[in-house]
Amino acid sequence: MNADDGIRRVFDAFQGGDPRALFEVIAADAVWVVNGTVPVANVYEGREEIFHLFRETRRLTGGTYLSTLRWSL
C-alpha cells in the first residue's frame, strides 16, 4: 500500500465509522495537522492524540462532520 492508498483508506474508514480500520492504517507515531483557527486546530502526534481529535470532532459537530479528500502530498 502506498501513502495515497493509506490516506484514502483513512478517509473511507472515518466516513464509515470503522475504528478498527483507522487503527490499522494510522501508525502509532503518525502526525496529523489541523491548520487554522477552528477549535481542534493543533498538531496531533501519535495514534492516541489523533483518535482524540476524531472523538472531539464528532462531539463538536454532533456526529455530522463529513470529510472529503481532495488531494494529498
Protein backbone atom coordinates (compact mmCIF):
# COMPACT_ATOMS: atom_id res chain seq x y z
CA MET A 1 0.00 0.00 0.00
CA ASN A 2 1.41 3.40 -0.95
CA ALA A 3 0.84 6.61 1.03
CA ASP A 4 -2.08 7.75 -1.13
CA ASP A 5 -3.84 4.40 -0.64
CA GLY A 6 -3.37 4.70 3.11
CA ILE A 7 -4.76 8.23 3.18
CA ARG A 8 -7.79 7.18 1.14
CA ARG A 9 -8.37 4.25 3.49
CA VAL A 10 -8.33 6.61 6.49
CA PHE A 11 -10.96 8.84 4.90
CA ASP A 12 -13.08 5.85 3.86
CA ALA A 13 -12.85 4.36 7.35
CA PHE A 14 -13.62 7.68 9.03
CA GLN A 15 -16.76 8.13 6.93
CA GLY A 16 -17.83 4.57 7.65
CA GLY A 17 -17.09 4.82 11.35
CA ASP A 18 -14.74 1.82 11.28
CA PRO A 19 -12.29 2.44 14.15
CA ARG A 20 -10.53 -0.89 13.54
CA ALA A 21 -9.61 0.17 10.01
CA LEU A 22 -8.39 3.51 11.35
CA PHE A 23 -6.23 1.71 13.91
CA GLU A 24 -4.74 -0.46 11.16
CA VAL A 25 -3.96 2.47 8.86
CA ILE A 26 -2.77 5.18 11.26
CA ALA A 27 0.74 4.44 12.51
CA ALA A 28 1.47 4.67 16.22
CA ASP A 29 3.84 7.59 15.53
CA ALA A 30 1.72 9.38 12.90
CA VAL A 31 1.33 13.16 12.93
CA TRP A 32 -1.95 14.85 11.93
CA VAL A 33 -2.06 18.64 11.48
CA VAL A 34 -5.24 20.69 11.61
CA ASN A 35 -4.47 24.23 10.47
CA GLY A 36 -6.50 27.34 11.06
CA THR A 37 -8.47 28.77 13.95
CA VAL A 38 -11.04 26.03 14.44
CA PRO A 39 -11.39 24.64 17.97
CA VAL A 40 -9.45 21.47 17.06
CA ALA A 41 -6.57 23.28 15.29
CA ASN A 42 -3.42 21.64 16.61
CA VAL A 43 -0.63 19.22 15.80
CA TYR A 44 -1.66 15.74 16.92
CA GLU A 45 1.26 13.39 17.49
CA GLY A 46 0.62 9.68 17.79
CA ARG A 47 -2.40 7.46 17.25
CA GLU A 48 -3.99 8.24 20.63
CA GLU A 49 -3.92 12.01 20.07
CA ILE A 50 -5.27 11.57 16.54
CA PHE A 51 -8.12 9.40 17.82
CA HIS A 52 -8.83 12.08 20.43
CA LEU A 53 -9.11 14.57 17.55
CA PHE A 54 -11.63 12.30 15.82
CA ARG A 55 -13.71 11.92 19.00
CA GLU A 56 -13.62 15.65 19.68
CA THR A 57 -14.60 16.47 16.10
CA ARG A 58 -17.53 14.07 16.35
CA ARG A 59 -18.56 15.61 19.69
CA LEU A 60 -18.29 19.21 18.49
CA THR A 61 -20.32 18.53 15.35
CA GLY A 62 -22.90 16.27 16.95
CA GLY A 63 -21.70 13.47 14.68
CA THR A 64 -22.47 15.39 11.50
CA TYR A 65 -18.89 16.11 10.37
CA LEU A 66 -18.03 14.90 6.87
CA SER A 67 -14.63 14.98 5.27
CA THR A 68 -13.69 14.85 1.61
CA LEU A 69 -10.21 14.03 0.40
CA ARG A 70 -9.37 16.40 -2.43
CA TRP A 71 -5.61 15.92 -2.61
CA SER A 72 -2.66 14.64 -0.61
CA LEU A 73 1.06 15.32 -0.53
